[in-house]
PDB file of N, CA and C in Angstrom:
ATOM      1  N   GLN A   1      29.217-174.708 139.224  1.00  0.00           N
ATOM      2  CA  GLN A   1      28.337-175.842 139.494  1.00  0.00           C
ATOM      3  C   GLN A   1      28.396-176.198 140.964  1.00  0.00           C
ATOM      4  N   VAL A   2      27.303-176.858 141.431  1.00  0.00           N
ATOM      5  CA  VAL A   2      27.237-177.155 142.839  1.00  0.00           C
ATOM      6  C   VAL A   2      28.153-178.338 143.147  1.00  0.00           C
ATOM      7  N   GLN A   3      28.783-178.285 144.319  1.00  0.00           N
ATOM      8  CA  GLN A   3      29.439-179.422 144.918  1.00  0.00           C
ATOM      9  C   GLN A   3      28.699-179.737 146.209  1.00  0.00           C
ATOM     10  N   VAL A   4      28.485-181.016 146.464  1.00  0.00           N
ATOM     11  CA  VAL A   4      27.708-181.404 147.643  1.00  0.00           C
ATOM     12  C   VAL A   4      28.409-182.516 148.403  1.00  0.00           C
ATOM     13  N   VAL A   5      28.183-182.534 149.698  1.00  0.00           N
ATOM     14  CA  VAL A   5      28.640-183.623 150.541  1.00  0.00           C
ATOM     15  C   VAL A   5      27.450-184.063 151.397  1.00  0.00           C
ATOM     16  N   GLU A   6      27.006-185.305 151.153  1.00  0.00           N
ATOM     17  CA  GLU A   6      25.880-185.851 151.900  1.00  0.00           C
ATOM     18  C   GLU A   6      26.395-186.648 153.103  1.00  0.00           C
ATOM     19  N   SER A   7      25.603-186.658 154.171  1.00  0.00           N
ATOM     20  CA  SER A   7      25.968-187.412 155.375  1.00  0.00           C
ATOM     21  C   SER A   7      24.685-187.776 156.142  1.00  0.00           C
ATOM     22  N   GLY A   8      24.865-188.677 157.119  1.00  0.00           N
ATOM     23  CA  GLY A   8      23.759-188.987 158.007  1.00  0.00           C
ATOM     24  C   GLY A   8      23.099-190.326 157.760  1.00  0.00           C
ATOM     25  N   GLY A   9      23.526-191.069 156.747  1.00  0.00           N
ATOM     26  CA  GLY A   9      22.948-192.360 156.495  1.00  0.00           C
ATOM     27  C   GLY A   9      23.363-193.397 157.510  1.00  0.00           C
ATOM     28  N   GLY A  10      22.777-194.572 157.395  1.00  0.00           N
ATOM     29  CA  GLY A  10      23.127-195.657 158.298  1.00  0.00           C
ATOM     30  C   GLY A  10      22.152-196.806 158.216  1.00  0.00           C
ATOM     31  N   LEU A  11      22.237-197.696 159.166  1.00  0.00           N
ATOM     32  CA  LEU A  11      21.360-198.855 159.267  1.00  0.00           C
ATOM     33  C   LEU A  11      20.316-198.550 160.336  1.00  0.00           C
ATOM     34  N   VAL A  12      19.046-198.733 159.994  1.00  0.00           N
ATOM     35  CA  VAL A  12      17.951-198.456 160.903  1.00  0.00           C
ATOM     36  C   VAL A  12      16.904-199.521 160.747  1.00  0.00           C
ATOM     37  N   GLN A  13      16.185-199.822 161.847  1.00  0.00           N
ATOM     38  CA  GLN A  13      15.110-200.791 161.800  1.00  0.00           C
ATOM     39  C   GLN A  13      13.856-200.172 161.145  1.00  0.00           C
ATOM     40  N   PRO A  14      13.049-201.013 160.548  1.00  0.00           N
ATOM     41  CA  PRO A  14      11.738-200.490 160.041  1.00  0.00           C
ATOM     42  C   PRO A  14      11.000-199.727 161.146  1.00  0.00           C
ATOM     43  N   GLY A  15      10.441-198.601 160.748  1.00  0.00           N
ATOM     44  CA  GLY A  15       9.764-197.717 161.685  1.00  0.00           C
ATOM     45  C   GLY A  15      10.629-196.678 162.318  1.00  0.00           C
ATOM     46  N   GLY A  16      11.925-196.792 162.125  1.00  0.00           N
ATOM     47  CA  GLY A  16      12.875-195.879 162.701  1.00  0.00           C
ATOM     48  C   GLY A  16      13.005-194.575 161.914  1.00  0.00           C
ATOM     49  N   SER A  17      13.952-193.731 162.363  1.00  0.00           N
ATOM     50  CA  SER A  17      14.163-192.421 161.780  1.00  0.00           C
ATOM     51  C   SER A  17      15.643-192.176 161.514  1.00  0.00           C
ATOM     52  N   LEU A  18      15.889-191.344 160.531  1.00  0.00           N
ATOM     53  CA  LEU A  18      17.266-190.841 160.224  1.00  0.00           C
ATOM     54  C   LEU A  18      17.108-189.420 159.741  1.00  0.00           C
ATOM     55  N   ARG A  19      18.154-188.625 159.938  1.00  0.00           N
ATOM     56  CA  ARG A  19      18.219-187.270 159.405  1.00  0.00           C
ATOM     57  C   ARG A  19      19.441-187.129 158.523  1.00  0.00           C
ATOM     58  N   LEU A  20      19.218-186.869 157.252  1.00  0.00           N
ATOM     59  CA  LEU A  20      20.320-186.676 156.318  1.00  0.00           C
ATOM     60  C   LEU A  20      20.632-185.188 156.198  1.00  0.00           C
ATOM     61  N   SER A  21      21.925-184.918 155.952  1.00  0.00           N
ATOM     62  CA  SER A  21      22.380-183.554 155.745  1.00  0.00           C
ATOM     63  C   SER A  21      23.138-183.468 154.430  1.00  0.00           C
ATOM     64  N   CYS A  22      23.091-182.290 153.830  1.00  0.00           N
ATOM     65  CA  CYS A  22      23.785-182.071 152.563  1.00  0.00           C
ATOM     66  C   CYS A  22      24.372-180.675 152.592  1.00  0.00           C
ATOM     67  N   ALA A  23      25.708-180.599 152.626  1.00  0.00           N
ATOM     68  CA  ALA A  23      26.407-179.313 152.600  1.00  0.00           C
ATOM     69  C   ALA A  23      26.763-178.992 151.138  1.00  0.00           C
ATOM     70  N   ALA A  24      26.317-177.816 150.706  1.00  0.00           N
ATOM     71  CA  ALA A  24      26.503-177.426 149.287  1.00  0.00           C
ATOM     72  C   ALA A  24      27.489-176.268 149.199  1.00  0.00           C
ATOM     73  N   SER A  25      28.204-176.214 148.091  1.00  0.00           N
ATOM     74  CA  SER A  25      29.104-175.098 147.787  1.00  0.00           C
ATOM     75  C   SER A  25      29.148-174.916 146.269  1.00  0.00           C
ATOM     76  N   GLY A  26      29.732-173.797 145.865  1.00  0.00           N
ATOM     77  CA  GLY A  26      29.906-173.531 144.445  1.00  0.00           C
ATOM     78  C   GLY A  26      28.753-172.783 143.821  1.00  0.00           C
ATOM     79  N   ILE A  27      27.703-172.519 144.602  1.00  0.00           N
ATOM     80  CA  ILE A  27      26.556-171.790 144.099  1.00  0.00           C
ATOM     81  C   ILE A  27      26.132-170.774 145.161  1.00  0.00           C
ATOM     82  N   ILE A  28      25.319-169.819 144.734  1.00  0.00           N
ATOM     83  CA  ILE A  28      24.650-168.933 145.740  1.00  0.00           C
ATOM     84  C   ILE A  28      23.472-169.717 146.227  1.00  0.00           C
ATOM     85  N   PHE A  29      23.674-170.425 147.314  1.00  0.00           N
ATOM     86  CA  PHE A  29      22.779-171.476 147.766  1.00  0.00           C
ATOM     87  C   PHE A  29      21.339-170.960 147.919  1.00  0.00           C
ATOM     88  N   SER A  30      21.187-169.786 148.485  1.00  0.00           N
ATOM     89  CA  SER A  30      19.854-169.269 148.789  1.00  0.00           C
ATOM     90  C   SER A  30      19.001-169.039 147.539  1.00  0.00           C
ATOM     91  N   ARG A  31      19.621-168.991 146.380  1.00  0.00           N
ATOM     92  CA  ARG A  31      18.905-168.725 145.153  1.00  0.00           C
ATOM     93  C   ARG A  31      18.412-169.970 144.461  1.00  0.00           C
ATOM     94  N   TYR A  32      18.822-171.144 144.958  1.00  0.00           N
ATOM     95  CA  TYR A  32      18.558-172.398 144.264  1.00  0.00           C
ATOM     96  C   TYR A  32      17.526-173.251 144.979  1.00  0.00           C
ATOM     97  N   GLY A  33      16.632-173.857 144.212  1.00  0.00           N
ATOM     98  CA  GLY A  33      15.876-174.978 144.711  1.00  0.00           C
ATOM     99  C   GLY A  33      16.778-176.176 144.818  1.00  0.00           C
ATOM    100  N   MET A  34      16.562-176.972 145.857  1.00  0.00           N
ATOM    101  CA  MET A  34      17.388-178.142 146.114  1.00  0.00           C
ATOM    102  C   MET A  34      16.520-179.381 146.201  1.00  0.00           C
ATOM    103  N   GLY A  35      17.104-180.523 145.915  1.00  0.00           N
ATOM    104  CA  GLY A  35      16.337-181.760 145.994  1.00  0.00           C
ATOM    105  C   GLY A  35      17.126-182.910 146.567  1.00  0.00           C
ATOM    106  N   TRP A  36      16.403-183.859 147.096  1.00  0.00           N
ATOM    107  CA  TRP A  36      16.965-185.152 147.474  1.00  0.00           C
ATOM    108  C   TRP A  36      16.512-186.181 146.463  1.00  0.00           C
ATOM    109  N   TYR A  37      17.414-187.108 146.153  1.00  0.00           N
ATOM    110  CA  TYR A  37      17.172-188.160 145.222  1.00  0.00           C
ATOM    111  C   TYR A  37      17.693-189.457 145.846  1.00  0.00           C
ATOM    112  N   ARG A  38      17.265-190.598 145.294  1.00  0.00           N
ATOM    113  CA  ARG A  38      17.765-191.864 145.806  1.00  0.00           C
ATOM    114  C   ARG A  38      17.877-192.880 144.682  1.00  0.00           C
ATOM    115  N   GLN A  39      18.783-193.812 144.876  1.00  0.00           N
ATOM    116  CA  GLN A  39      18.938-194.906 143.912  1.00  0.00           C
ATOM    117  C   GLN A  39      19.062-196.213 144.668  1.00  0.00           C
ATOM    118  N   ALA A  40      18.077-197.073 144.467  1.00  0.00           N
ATOM    119  CA  ALA A  40      18.062-198.370 145.089  1.00  0.00           C
ATOM    120  C   ALA A  40      18.834-199.357 144.191  1.00  0.00           C
ATOM    121  N   PRO A  41      19.300-200.471 144.735  1.00  0.00           N
ATOM    122  CA  PRO A  41      20.042-201.428 143.929  1.00  0.00           C
ATOM    123  C   PRO A  41      19.246-201.906 142.741  1.00  0.00           C
ATOM    124  N   GLY A  42      19.852-201.824 141.548  1.00  0.00           N
ATOM    125  CA  GLY A  42      19.198-202.301 140.334  1.00  0.00           C
ATOM    126  C   GLY A  42      18.155-201.382 139.768  1.00  0.00           C
ATOM    127  N   LYS A  43      18.007-200.179 140.339  1.00  0.00           N
ATOM    128  CA  LYS A  43      16.980-199.255 139.897  1.00  0.00           C
ATOM    129  C   LYS A  43      17.593-197.931 139.452  1.00  0.00           C
ATOM    130  N   GLN A  44      16.789-197.171 138.713  1.00  0.00           N
ATOM    131  CA  GLN A  44      17.232-195.814 138.299  1.00  0.00           C
ATOM    132  C   GLN A  44      17.146-194.861 139.494  1.00  0.00           C
ATOM    133  N   ARG A  45      17.937-193.826 139.449  1.00  0.00           N
ATOM    134  CA  ARG A  45      17.842-192.793 140.452  1.00  0.00           C
ATOM    135  C   ARG A  45      16.481-192.108 140.343  1.00  0.00           C
ATOM    136  N   GLU A  46      15.867-191.821 141.474  1.00  0.00           N
ATOM    137  CA  GLU A  46      14.541-191.191 141.475  1.00  0.00           C
ATOM    138  C   GLU A  46      14.544-189.983 142.417  1.00  0.00           C
ATOM    139  N   TRP A  47      13.680-189.028 142.078  1.00  0.00           N
ATOM    140  CA  TRP A  47      13.521-187.852 142.884  1.00  0.00           C
ATOM    141  C   TRP A  47      12.670-188.221 144.126  1.00  0.00           C
ATOM    142  N   VAL A  48      13.034-187.650 145.277  1.00  0.00           N
ATOM    143  CA  VAL A  48      12.366-187.954 146.537  1.00  0.00           C
ATOM    144  C   VAL A  48      11.636-186.712 147.103  1.00  0.00           C
ATOM    145  N   ALA A  49      12.361-185.565 147.139  1.00  0.00           N
ATOM    146  CA  ALA A  49      11.788-184.376 147.769  1.00  0.00           C
ATOM    147  C   ALA A  49      12.516-183.159 147.227  1.00  0.00           C
ATOM    148  N   ALA A  50      11.844-182.021 147.293  1.00  0.00           N
ATOM    149  CA  ALA A  50      12.451-180.781 146.832  1.00  0.00           C
ATOM    150  C   ALA A  50      11.992-179.607 147.688  1.00  0.00           C
ATOM    151  N   ILE A  51      12.863-178.630 147.774  1.00  0.00           N
ATOM    152  CA  ILE A  51      12.532-177.384 148.489  1.00  0.00           C
ATOM    153  C   ILE A  51      12.990-176.201 147.618  1.00  0.00           C
ATOM    154  N   SER A  52      12.097-175.254 147.416  1.00  0.00           N
ATOM    155  CA  SER A  52      12.418-174.104 146.596  1.00  0.00           C
ATOM    156  C   SER A  52      13.275-173.083 147.342  1.00  0.00           C
ATOM    157  N   SER A  53      13.709-172.074 146.624  1.00  0.00           N
ATOM    158  CA  SER A  53      14.475-171.018 147.281  1.00  0.00           C
ATOM    159  C   SER A  53      13.630-170.297 148.330  1.00  0.00           C
ATOM    160  N   GLY A  54      12.313-170.336 148.160  1.00  0.00           N
ATOM    161  CA  GLY A  54      11.398-169.737 149.079  1.00  0.00           C
ATOM    162  C   GLY A  54      10.856-170.702 150.135  1.00  0.00           C
ATOM    163  N   SER A  55      11.451-171.947 150.156  1.00  0.00           N
ATOM    164  CA  SER A  55      11.137-172.978 151.128  1.00  0.00           C
ATOM    165  C   SER A  55       9.791-173.630 150.925  1.00  0.00           C
ATOM    166  N   SER A  56       9.229-173.574 149.731  1.00  0.00           N
ATOM    167  CA  SER A  56       8.086-174.423 149.379  1.00  0.00           C
ATOM    168  C   SER A  56       8.614-175.829 149.167  1.00  0.00           C
ATOM    169  N   THR A  57       7.816-176.806 149.574  1.00  0.00           N
ATOM    170  CA  THR A  57       8.302-178.186 149.510  1.00  0.00           C
ATOM    171  C   THR A  57       7.377-179.073 148.669  1.00  0.00           C
ATOM    172  N   ASN A  58       7.969-180.110 148.087  1.00  0.00           N
ATOM    173  CA  ASN A  58       7.222-181.116 147.319  1.00  0.00           C
ATOM    174  C   ASN A  58       7.843-182.471 147.604  1.00  0.00           C
ATOM    175  N   TYR A  59       7.005-183.529 147.565  1.00  0.00           N
ATOM    176  CA  TYR A  59       7.446-184.863 147.878  1.00  0.00           C
ATOM    177  C   TYR A  59       6.927-185.857 146.879  1.00  0.00           C
ATOM    178  N   ALA A  60       7.740-186.906 146.651  1.00  0.00           N
ATOM    179  CA  ALA A  60       7.224-188.047 145.895  1.00  0.00           C
ATOM    180  C   ALA A  60       6.136-188.735 146.697  1.00  0.00           C
ATOM    181  N   ASP A  61       5.164-189.317 146.029  1.00  0.00           N
ATOM    182  CA  ASP A  61       4.041-189.935 146.720  1.00  0.00           C
ATOM    183  C   ASP A  61       4.522-190.996 147.698  1.00  0.00           C
ATOM    184  N   SER A  62       5.618-191.695 147.359  1.00  0.00           N
ATOM    185  CA  SER A  62       6.069-192.801 148.177  1.00  0.00           C
ATOM    186  C   SER A  62       6.599-192.362 149.547  1.00  0.00           C
ATOM    187  N   VAL A  63       6.924-191.102 149.690  1.00  0.00           N
ATOM    188  CA  VAL A  63       7.502-190.622 150.972  1.00  0.00           C
ATOM    189  C   VAL A  63       6.642-189.544 151.624  1.00  0.00           C
ATOM    190  N   LYS A  64       5.588-189.116 150.946  1.00  0.00           N
ATOM    191  CA  LYS A  64       4.760-188.029 151.481  1.00  0.00           C
ATOM    192  C   LYS A  64       4.188-188.420 152.834  1.00  0.00           C
ATOM    193  N   GLY A  65       4.314-187.508 153.798  1.00  0.00           N
ATOM    194  CA  GLY A  65       3.798-187.759 155.129  1.00  0.00           C
ATOM    195  C   GLY A  65       4.799-188.437 156.069  1.00  0.00           C
ATOM    196  N   ARG A  66       5.933-188.904 155.491  1.00  0.00           N
ATOM    197  CA  ARG A  66       6.955-189.580 156.313  1.00  0.00           C
ATOM    198  C   ARG A  66       8.279-188.824 156.285  1.00  0.00           C
ATOM    199  N   PHE A  67       8.590-188.165 155.168  1.00  0.00           N
ATOM    200  CA  PHE A  67       9.839-187.433 155.028  1.00  0.00           C
ATOM    201  C   PHE A  67       9.577-185.943 155.068  1.00  0.00           C
ATOM    202  N   THR A  68      10.546-185.170 155.583  1.00  0.00           N
ATOM    203  CA  THR A  68      10.447-183.703 155.600  1.00  0.00           C
ATOM    204  C   THR A  68      11.777-183.100 155.156  1.00  0.00           C
ATOM    205  N   ILE A  69      11.680-182.270 154.132  1.00  0.00           N
ATOM    206  CA  ILE A  69      12.881-181.571 153.643  1.00  0.00           C
ATOM    207  C   ILE A  69      12.910-180.171 154.208  1.00  0.00           C
ATOM    208  N   SER A  70      14.105-179.682 154.549  1.00  0.00           N
ATOM    209  CA  SER A  70      14.253-178.329 155.072  1.00  0.00           C
ATOM    210  C   SER A  70      15.609-177.795 154.638  1.00  0.00           C
ATOM    211  N   ARG A  71      15.804-176.522 154.847  1.00  0.00           N
ATOM    212  CA  ARG A  71      17.090-175.923 154.468  1.00  0.00           C
ATOM    213  C   ARG A  71      17.485-174.838 155.462  1.00  0.00           C
ATOM    214  N   ASP A  72      18.807-174.641 155.573  1.00  0.00           N
ATOM    215  CA  ASP A  72      19.368-173.584 156.387  1.00  0.00           C
ATOM    216  C   ASP A  72      20.310-172.790 155.495  1.00  0.00           C
ATOM    217  N   ASN A  73      19.850-171.676 154.991  1.00  0.00           N
ATOM    218  CA  ASN A  73      20.649-170.905 154.055  1.00  0.00           C
ATOM    219  C   ASN A  73      21.928-170.336 154.679  1.00  0.00           C
ATOM    220  N   ALA A  74      21.896-170.065 155.964  1.00  0.00           N
ATOM    221  CA  ALA A  74      23.102-169.570 156.648  1.00  0.00           C
ATOM    222  C   ALA A  74      24.217-170.610 156.663  1.00  0.00           C
ATOM    223  N   LYS A  75      23.834-171.886 156.594  1.00  0.00           N
ATOM    224  CA  LYS A  75      24.805-172.956 156.601  1.00  0.00           C
ATOM    225  C   LYS A  75      24.976-173.637 155.253  1.00  0.00           C
ATOM    226  N   ASN A  76      24.304-173.138 154.224  1.00  0.00           N
ATOM    227  CA  ASN A  76      24.341-173.760 152.877  1.00  0.00           C
ATOM    228  C   ASN A  76      24.071-175.255 152.984  1.00  0.00           C
ATOM    229  N   THR A  77      23.045-175.615 153.739  1.00  0.00           N
ATOM    230  CA  THR A  77      22.768-177.005 154.029  1.00  0.00           C
ATOM    231  C   THR A  77      21.289-177.297 153.839  1.00  0.00           C
ATOM    232  N   VAL A  78      21.040-178.486 153.259  1.00  0.00           N
ATOM    233  CA  VAL A  78      19.682-178.959 153.109  1.00  0.00           C
ATOM    234  C   VAL A  78      19.587-180.291 153.884  1.00  0.00           C
ATOM    235  N   TYR A  79      18.443-180.521 154.493  1.00  0.00           N
ATOM    236  CA  TYR A  79      18.220-181.681 155.371  1.00  0.00           C
ATOM    237  C   TYR A  79      17.074-182.544 154.830  1.00  0.00           C
ATOM    238  N   LEU A  80      17.105-183.782 155.202  1.00  0.00           N
ATOM    239  CA  LEU A  80      15.971-184.680 154.929  1.00  0.00           C
ATOM    240  C   LEU A  80      15.735-185.499 156.200  1.00  0.00           C
ATOM    241  N   GLN A  81      14.645-185.158 156.894  1.00  0.00           N
ATOM    242  CA  GLN A  81      14.204-185.934 158.063  1.00  0.00           C
ATOM    243  C   GLN A  81      13.365-187.085 157.563  1.00  0.00           C
ATOM    244  N   MET A  82      13.753-188.304 157.873  1.00  0.00           N
ATOM    245  CA  MET A  82      13.031-189.487 157.412  1.00  0.00           C
ATOM    246  C   MET A  82      12.474-190.246 158.593  1.00  0.00           C
ATOM    247  N   ASP A  83      11.183-190.320 158.699  1.00  0.00           N
ATOM    248  CA  ASP A  83      10.504-191.029 159.791  1.00  0.00           C
ATOM    249  C   ASP A  83       9.719-192.221 159.238  1.00  0.00           C
ATOM    250  N   ARG A  84       9.355-193.126 160.128  1.00  0.00           N
ATOM    251  CA  ARG A  84       8.569-194.324 159.743  1.00  0.00           C
ATOM    252  C   ARG A  84       9.183-194.988 158.529  1.00  0.00           C
ATOM    253  N   LEU A  85      10.463-195.225 158.606  1.00  0.00           N
ATOM    254  CA  LEU A  85      11.204-195.802 157.456  1.00  0.00           C
ATOM    255  C   LEU A  85      10.737-197.230 157.180  1.00  0.00           C
ATOM    256  N   LYS A  86      10.791-197.556 155.877  1.00  0.00           N
ATOM    257  CA  LYS A  86      10.379-198.878 155.411  1.00  0.00           C
ATOM    258  C   LYS A  86      11.551-199.533 154.684  1.00  0.00           C
ATOM    259  N   PRO A  87      11.555-200.850 154.588  1.00  0.00           N
ATOM    260  CA  PRO A  87      12.631-201.510 153.833  1.00  0.00           C
ATOM    261  C   PRO A  87      12.794-200.994 152.417  1.00  0.00           C
ATOM    262  N   GLU A  88      11.698-200.588 151.790  1.00  0.00           N
ATOM    263  CA  GLU A  88      11.777-200.099 150.423  1.00  0.00           C
ATOM    264  C   GLU A  88      12.391-198.717 150.320  1.00  0.00           C
ATOM    265  N   ASP A  89      12.679-198.095 151.446  1.00  0.00           N
ATOM    266  CA  ASP A  89      13.442-196.821 151.463  1.00  0.00           C
ATOM    267  C   ASP A  89      14.943-197.053 151.368  1.00  0.00           C
ATOM    268  N   THR A  90      15.381-198.289 151.414  1.00  0.00           N
ATOM    269  CA  THR A  90      16.809-198.621 151.326  1.00  0.00           C
ATOM    270  C   THR A  90      17.346-198.156 149.973  1.00  0.00           C
ATOM    271  N   ALA A  91      18.383-197.329 150.013  1.00  0.00           N
ATOM    272  CA  ALA A  91      18.951-196.739 148.787  1.00  0.00           C
ATOM    273  C   ALA A  91      20.135-195.909 149.182  1.00  0.00           C
ATOM    274  N   VAL A  92      20.869-195.476 148.152  1.00  0.00           N
ATOM    275  CA  VAL A  92      21.861-194.419 148.341  1.00  0.00           C
ATOM    276  C   VAL A  92      21.140-193.100 148.069  1.00  0.00           C
ATOM    277  N   TYR A  93      21.243-192.182 149.025  1.00  0.00           N
ATOM    278  CA  TYR A  93      20.546-190.905 148.935  1.00  0.00           C
ATOM    279  C   TYR A  93      21.532-189.806 148.511  1.00  0.00           C
ATOM    280  N   TYR A  94      21.114-189.006 147.547  1.00  0.00           N
ATOM    281  CA  TYR A  94      21.902-187.917 147.023  1.00  0.00           C
ATOM    282  C   TYR A  94      21.132-186.600 147.118  1.00  0.00           C
ATOM    283  N   CYS A  95      21.859-185.523 147.240  1.00  0.00           N
ATOM    284  CA  CYS A  95      21.203-184.219 147.081  1.00  0.00           C
ATOM    285  C   CYS A  95      21.849-183.502 145.889  1.00  0.00           C
ATOM    286  N   ASN A  96      21.121-182.555 145.353  1.00  0.00           N
ATOM    287  CA  ASN A  96      21.567-181.801 144.191  1.00  0.00           C
ATOM    288  C   ASN A  96      20.591-180.636 144.008  1.00  0.00           C
ATOM    289  N   VAL A  97      20.843-179.827 143.036  1.00  0.00           N
ATOM    290  CA  VAL A  97      19.887-178.774 142.705  1.00  0.00           C
ATOM    291  C   VAL A  97      18.589-179.420 142.225  1.00  0.00           C
ATOM    292  N   ARG A  98      17.497-178.714 142.319  1.00  0.00           N
ATOM    293  CA  ARG A  98      16.228-179.226 141.818  1.00  0.00           C
ATOM    294  C   ARG A  98      16.347-179.451 140.312  1.00  0.00           C
ATOM    295  N   TYR A  99      15.705-180.497 139.822  1.00  0.00           N
ATOM    296  CA  TYR A  99      15.720-180.833 138.366  1.00  0.00           C
ATOM    297  C   TYR A  99      17.096-181.223 137.867  1.00  0.00           C
ATOM    298  N   ALA A 100      17.952-181.729 138.754  1.00  0.00           N
ATOM    299  CA  ALA A 100      19.271-182.197 138.339  1.00  0.00           C
ATOM    300  C   ALA A 100      19.112-183.407 137.411  1.00  0.00           C
ATOM    301  N   THR A 101      20.023-183.525 136.473  1.00  0.00           N
ATOM    302  CA  THR A 101      20.038-184.673 135.567  1.00  0.00           C
ATOM    303  C   THR A 101      21.387-185.386 135.646  1.00  0.00           C
ATOM    304  N   ASP A 102      21.564-186.375 134.819  1.00  0.00           N
ATOM    305  CA  ASP A 102      22.849-187.072 134.795  1.00  0.00           C
ATOM    306  C   ASP A 102      23.975-186.159 134.321  1.00  0.00           C
ATOM    307  N   GLN A 103      23.627-185.023 133.707  1.00  0.00           N
ATOM    308  CA  GLN A 103      24.663-184.111 133.251  1.00  0.00           C
ATOM    309  C   GLN A 103      25.187-183.243 134.386  1.00  0.00           C
ATOM    310  N   ASN A 104      24.489-183.196 135.508  1.00  0.00           N
ATOM    311  CA  ASN A 104      24.979-182.432 136.648  1.00  0.00           C
ATOM    312  C   ASN A 104      25.999-183.279 137.414  1.00  0.00           C
ATOM    313  N   PRO A 105      26.986-182.642 138.047  1.00  0.00           N
ATOM    314  CA  PRO A 105      27.880-183.393 138.908  1.00  0.00           C
ATOM    315  C   PRO A 105      27.116-183.880 140.142  1.00  0.00           C
ATOM    316  N   TRP A 106      27.419-185.115 140.592  1.00  0.00           N
ATOM    317  CA  TRP A 106      26.782-185.692 141.748  1.00  0.00           C
ATOM    318  C   TRP A 106      27.820-186.000 142.817  1.00  0.00           C
ATOM    319  N   GLY A 107      27.375-185.964 144.067  1.00  0.00           N
ATOM    320  CA  GLY A 107      28.277-186.321 145.176  1.00  0.00           C
ATOM    321  C   GLY A 107      28.315-187.829 145.351  1.00  0.00           C
ATOM    322  N   GLN A 108      28.928-188.260 146.446  1.00  0.00           N
ATOM    323  CA  GLN A 108      29.092-189.693 146.738  1.00  0.00           C
ATOM    324  C   GLN A 108      27.790-190.314 147.252  1.00  0.00           C
ATOM    325  N   GLY A 109      26.922-189.481 147.780  1.00  0.00           N
ATOM    326  CA  GLY A 109      25.716-190.021 148.397  1.00  0.00           C
ATOM    327  C   GLY A 109      25.945-190.583 149.755  1.00  0.00           C
ATOM    328  N   THR A 110      24.858-190.941 150.408  1.00  0.00           N
ATOM    329  CA  THR A 110      24.945-191.586 151.736  1.00  0.00           C
ATOM    330  C   THR A 110      23.980-192.759 151.759  1.00  0.00           C
ATOM    331  N   GLN A 111      24.488-193.893 152.233  1.00  0.00           N
ATOM    332  CA  GLN A 111      23.709-195.155 152.215  1.00  0.00           C
ATOM    333  C   GLN A 111      22.703-195.191 153.344  1.00  0.00           C
ATOM    334  N   VAL A 112      21.480-195.495 153.018  1.00  0.00           N
ATOM    335  CA  VAL A 112      20.437-195.729 154.008  1.00  0.00           C
ATOM    336  C   VAL A 112      19.953-197.173 153.847  1.00  0.00           C
ATOM    337  N   THR A 113      20.055-197.923 154.910  1.00  0.00           N
ATOM    338  CA  THR A 113      19.610-199.324 154.883  1.00  0.00           C
ATOM    339  C   THR A 113      18.558-199.508 155.981  1.00  0.00           C
ATOM    340  N   VAL A 114      17.385-199.966 155.587  1.00  0.00           N
ATOM    341  CA  VAL A 114      16.291-200.211 156.532  1.00  0.00           C
ATOM    342  C   VAL A 114      16.060-201.712 156.604  1.00  0.00           C
ATOM    343  N   SER A 115      16.405-202.266 157.729  1.00  0.00           N
ATOM    344  CA  SER A 115      16.353-203.725 157.861  1.00  0.00           C
ATOM    345  C   SER A 115      16.294-204.105 159.327  1.00  0.00           C
ATOM    346  N   SER A 116      15.595-205.191 159.611  1.00  0.00           N
ATOM    347  CA  SER A 116      15.580-205.706 160.967  1.00  0.00           C
ATOM    348  C   SER A 116      16.655-206.752 161.159  1.00  0.00           C
TER     349      SER A 116
END
């Protein structure tokens, strides 16, 4: 099963940018689709973005045009570039394999706070 370590979160003003990183191990990384997910206070975890093993990408409507997911198979790492951040993007961000459920192991996540 995949083990992940997310990093890159922080406090940013509305309209700002952050780049999240996720280092994965325990799988043949290049063969897996990967995804970013987030959980805001008091809400269920939701899917944000995904990238296939062939680097095709998909985004939730709420982040389309503002977030960009990418991967570096040589580094077993997936990234999430977040631009034009909004207060409603505030959440703990997690990465995992695509279509991960509560039955999958999850990392600690990285906190993103968008506030002036």
